[in-house]
C-alpha atoms as a PDB file:
ATOM      1  CA  MET A   1     -11.739   4.812 -14.353  1.00  0.00           C
ATOM      2  CA  ASP A   2     -10.626   1.331 -15.424  1.00  0.00           C
ATOM      3  CA  CYS A   3      -7.522  -0.194 -13.963  1.00  0.00           C
ATOM      4  CA  ASN A   4      -5.739  -3.273 -15.235  1.00  0.00           C
ATOM      5  CA  PHE A   5      -3.745  -5.258 -12.725  1.00  0.00           C
ATOM      6  CA  ILE A   6      -1.161  -7.891 -13.614  1.00  0.00           C
ATOM      7  CA  PHE A   7      -0.386 -10.477 -10.937  1.00  0.00           C
ATOM      8  CA  CYS A   8       3.091 -11.793 -11.638  1.00  0.00           C
ATOM      9  CA  LEU A   9       5.218 -14.071  -9.467  1.00  0.00           C
ATOM     10  CA  HIS A  10       8.991 -14.264  -9.732  1.00  0.00           C
ATOM     11  CA  ASN A  11      10.353 -17.424  -8.123  1.00  0.00           C
ATOM     12  CA  HIS A  12      14.127 -17.450  -7.789  1.00  0.00           C
ATOM     13  CA  GLN A  13      16.940 -19.458  -6.282  1.00  0.00           C
ATOM     14  CA  PRO A  14      20.538 -18.628  -7.172  1.00  0.00           C
ATOM     15  CA  VAL A  15      22.970 -20.996  -8.859  1.00  0.00           C
ATOM     16  CA  GLY A  16      24.829 -23.044  -6.279  1.00  0.00           C
ATOM     17  CA  ASN A  17      22.351 -22.547  -3.473  1.00  0.00           C
ATOM     18  CA  PHE A  18      22.134 -25.382  -0.958  1.00  0.00           C
ATOM     19  CA  ASP A  19      19.703 -28.188  -1.743  1.00  0.00           C
ATOM     20  CA  HIS A  20      18.002 -27.826   1.637  1.00  0.00           C
ATOM     21  CA  VAL A  21      17.313 -24.139   0.877  1.00  0.00           C
ATOM     22  CA  PHE A  22      15.716 -25.055  -2.455  1.00  0.00           C
ATOM     23  CA  GLU A  23      13.628 -27.686  -0.679  1.00  0.00           C
ATOM     24  CA  TRP A  24      12.551 -25.349   2.116  1.00  0.00           C
ATOM     25  CA  ALA A  25      11.549 -22.544  -0.283  1.00  0.00           C
ATOM     26  CA  TYR A  26       9.778 -24.966  -2.601  1.00  0.00           C
ATOM     27  CA  ASN A  27       7.770 -26.675   0.131  1.00  0.00           C
ATOM     28  CA  ASP A  28       7.045 -23.508   2.092  1.00  0.00           C
ATOM     29  CA  CYS A  29       6.250 -21.170  -0.781  1.00  0.00           C
ATOM     30  CA  TYR A  30       6.451 -22.151  -4.455  1.00  0.00           C
ATOM     31  CA  ARG A  31       4.409 -25.358  -4.334  1.00  0.00           C
ATOM     32  CA  LYS A  32       1.832 -23.980  -1.893  1.00  0.00           C
ATOM     33  CA  THR A  33       1.304 -20.955  -4.113  1.00  0.00           C
ATOM     34  CA  LEU A  34       0.816 -23.072  -7.228  1.00  0.00           C
ATOM     35  CA  ASP A  35      -1.620 -25.366  -5.421  1.00  0.00           C
ATOM     36  CA  LEU A  36      -3.628 -22.353  -4.241  1.00  0.00           C
ATOM     37  CA  LEU A  37      -3.755 -20.772  -7.708  1.00  0.00           C
ATOM     38  CA  TYR A  38      -4.817 -24.123  -9.184  1.00  0.00           C
ATOM     39  CA  GLN A  39      -8.012 -23.889  -7.135  1.00  0.00           C
ATOM     40  CA  TYR A  40      -9.007 -20.697  -8.994  1.00  0.00           C
ATOM     41  CA  PRO A  41      -8.815 -21.440 -12.732  1.00  0.00           C
ATOM     42  CA  GLU A  42     -10.527 -18.151 -13.599  1.00  0.00           C
ATOM     43  CA  PHE A  43      -7.726 -16.149 -11.947  1.00  0.00           C
ATOM     44  CA  LYS A  44      -5.160 -14.981 -14.488  1.00  0.00           C
ATOM     45  CA  PHE A  45      -1.533 -14.624 -13.502  1.00  0.00           C
ATOM     46  CA  ALA A  46       2.013 -14.815 -14.775  1.00  0.00           C
ATOM     47  CA  ILE A  47       4.757 -16.853 -13.166  1.00  0.00           C
ATOM     48  CA  HIS A  48       8.490 -16.787 -13.748  1.00  0.00           C
ATOM     49  CA  ASN A  49      10.721 -19.538 -12.378  1.00  0.00           C
ATOM     50  CA  THR A  50      14.430 -18.931 -12.810  1.00  0.00           C
ATOM     51  CA  GLY A  51      16.586 -21.592 -14.466  1.00  0.00           C
ATOM     52  CA  PRO A  52      18.283 -23.054 -11.379  1.00  0.00           C
ATOM     53  CA  LEU A  53      14.945 -23.317  -9.591  1.00  0.00           C
ATOM     54  CA  LEU A  54      13.183 -24.887 -12.560  1.00  0.00           C
ATOM     55  CA  GLU A  55      15.973 -27.460 -12.954  1.00  0.00           C
ATOM     56  CA  TRP A  56      15.699 -28.332  -9.255  1.00  0.00           C
ATOM     57  CA  ILE A  57      11.912 -28.660  -9.523  1.00  0.00           C
ATOM     58  CA  GLU A  58      12.184 -30.908 -12.591  1.00  0.00           C
ATOM     59  CA  ARG A  59      14.528 -33.239 -10.672  1.00  0.00           C
ATOM     60  CA  HIS A  60      12.630 -33.295  -7.368  1.00  0.00           C
ATOM     61  CA  ASP A  61       8.925 -32.845  -8.206  1.00  0.00           C
ATOM     62  CA  PRO A  62       8.055 -32.970 -11.910  1.00  0.00           C
ATOM     63  CA  THR A  63       4.351 -32.838 -11.003  1.00  0.00           C
ATOM     64  CA  TYR A  64       4.821 -29.082 -10.455  1.00  0.00           C
ATOM     65  CA  CYS A  65       5.529 -28.651 -14.169  1.00  0.00           C
ATOM     66  CA  ASP A  66       2.612 -30.941 -15.067  1.00  0.00           C
ATOM     67  CA  ILE A  67       0.211 -28.839 -12.992  1.00  0.00           C
ATOM     68  CA  LEU A  68       1.605 -25.599 -14.378  1.00  0.00           C
ATOM     69  CA  ALA A  69       1.192 -26.918 -17.934  1.00  0.00           C
ATOM     70  CA  GLN A  70      -2.472 -27.729 -17.216  1.00  0.00           C
ATOM     71  CA  MET A  71      -3.019 -24.150 -16.106  1.00  0.00           C
ATOM     72  CA  VAL A  72      -1.673 -22.559 -19.281  1.00  0.00           C
END
């Protein structure tokens, strides 16, 4: 029996969350995960970053978006 598996990440921070919480979650989870996945280009995955998080990332570390774009 064949089984298809979809690996999908949902990264979220709510509107109005404290900057230090964004920074902690980004440094401790979101960026580390992207860096790990970057090491395995053959691994297929989906990632969803919510709007407030993506806006924070664009302001604080635009290289995240550059790396993600390379992986598409």
